[in-house]
Amino acid sequence: MVILQVIFWIGAVGVLVLAFIKVGDWISRRFDIEHVTAAWLVAPVGGPFVMALVAPAISRAYVEAALFG
């Protein structure tokens, strides 16, 4: 079970870093409205959402963190 927790935290940090990089990229560049789509939200919103769903399956200690409260 410890190896699952290690893999989870490595992946969680990676997903959060990539989400911040992607949002920072959006803020730093100008885009035409024609090029903006809802699919852009998959990486910064979907990644942390999946982590919150997987966390309780790895350890009961992560339940409160997964519920954000």
Protein backbone atom coordinates (compact mmCIF):
# COMPACT_ATOMS: atom_id res chain seq x y z
CA MET A 1 0.00 0.00 0.00
CA VAL A 2 2.93 2.32 0.61
CA ILE A 3 4.03 2.08 -3.02
CA LEU A 4 0.55 3.21 -4.10
CA GLN A 5 0.81 6.26 -1.87
CA VAL A 6 4.23 7.13 -3.27
CA ILE A 7 3.00 6.78 -6.85
CA PHE A 8 -0.13 8.80 -6.01
CA TRP A 9 1.86 11.71 -4.55
CA ILE A 10 4.34 11.75 -7.42
CA GLY A 11 1.43 11.87 -9.86
CA ALA A 12 -0.48 14.43 -7.78
CA VAL A 13 2.45 16.83 -7.71
CA GLY A 14 2.97 16.32 -11.43
CA VAL A 15 -0.67 17.00 -12.27
CA LEU A 16 -0.77 20.15 -10.14
CA VAL A 17 2.46 21.46 -11.66
CA LEU A 18 1.15 20.86 -15.18
CA ALA A 19 -2.17 22.52 -14.29
CA PHE A 20 -0.37 25.64 -13.01
CA ILE A 21 1.86 25.71 -16.09
CA LYS A 22 -1.16 25.46 -18.40
CA VAL A 23 -3.12 28.20 -16.62
CA GLY A 24 0.00 30.39 -16.56
CA ASP A 25 0.36 29.85 -20.30
CA TRP A 26 -3.22 31.00 -20.83
CA ILE A 27 -2.67 34.12 -18.75
CA SER A 28 0.60 35.07 -20.43
CA ARG A 29 -0.60 34.81 -24.05
CA ARG A 30 -3.37 36.48 -25.98
CA PHE A 31 -5.81 34.23 -27.80
CA ASP A 32 -8.51 35.03 -30.31
CA ILE A 33 -11.97 34.07 -29.11
CA GLU A 34 -12.31 31.69 -32.07
CA HIS A 35 -9.47 29.55 -30.71
CA VAL A 36 -10.80 29.18 -27.16
CA THR A 37 -12.70 25.93 -26.52
CA ALA A 38 -14.09 24.11 -23.51
CA ALA A 39 -11.57 21.31 -24.11
CA TRP A 40 -8.89 23.57 -22.64
CA LEU A 41 -10.36 22.96 -19.19
CA VAL A 42 -9.66 19.21 -19.26
CA ALA A 43 -6.07 19.42 -17.97
CA PRO A 44 -6.34 21.96 -15.11
CA VAL A 45 -9.81 20.88 -13.93
CA GLY A 46 -9.91 17.18 -14.81
CA GLY A 47 -6.55 16.25 -13.32
CA PRO A 48 -7.22 17.44 -9.75
CA PHE A 49 -10.78 16.09 -9.99
CA VAL A 50 -9.49 12.60 -10.81
CA MET A 51 -6.96 12.84 -7.97
CA ALA A 52 -9.80 13.65 -5.56
CA LEU A 53 -11.71 10.58 -6.76
CA VAL A 54 -8.74 8.22 -6.52
CA ALA A 55 -7.38 9.42 -3.15
CA PRO A 56 -9.95 7.68 -0.89
CA ALA A 57 -9.36 4.37 -2.70
CA ILE A 58 -5.67 4.52 -1.79
CA SER A 59 -6.03 5.37 1.89
CA ARG A 60 -8.87 6.30 4.22
CA ALA A 61 -6.63 9.08 5.55
CA TYR A 62 -7.11 10.97 2.26
CA VAL A 63 -10.92 11.12 2.47
CA GLU A 64 -11.09 14.58 4.08
CA ALA A 65 -8.51 16.00 1.69
CA ALA A 66 -10.43 14.59 -1.27
CA LEU A 67 -13.62 16.28 -0.06
CA PHE A 68 -11.76 19.62 0.25
CA GLY A 69 -12.76 20.13 3.81
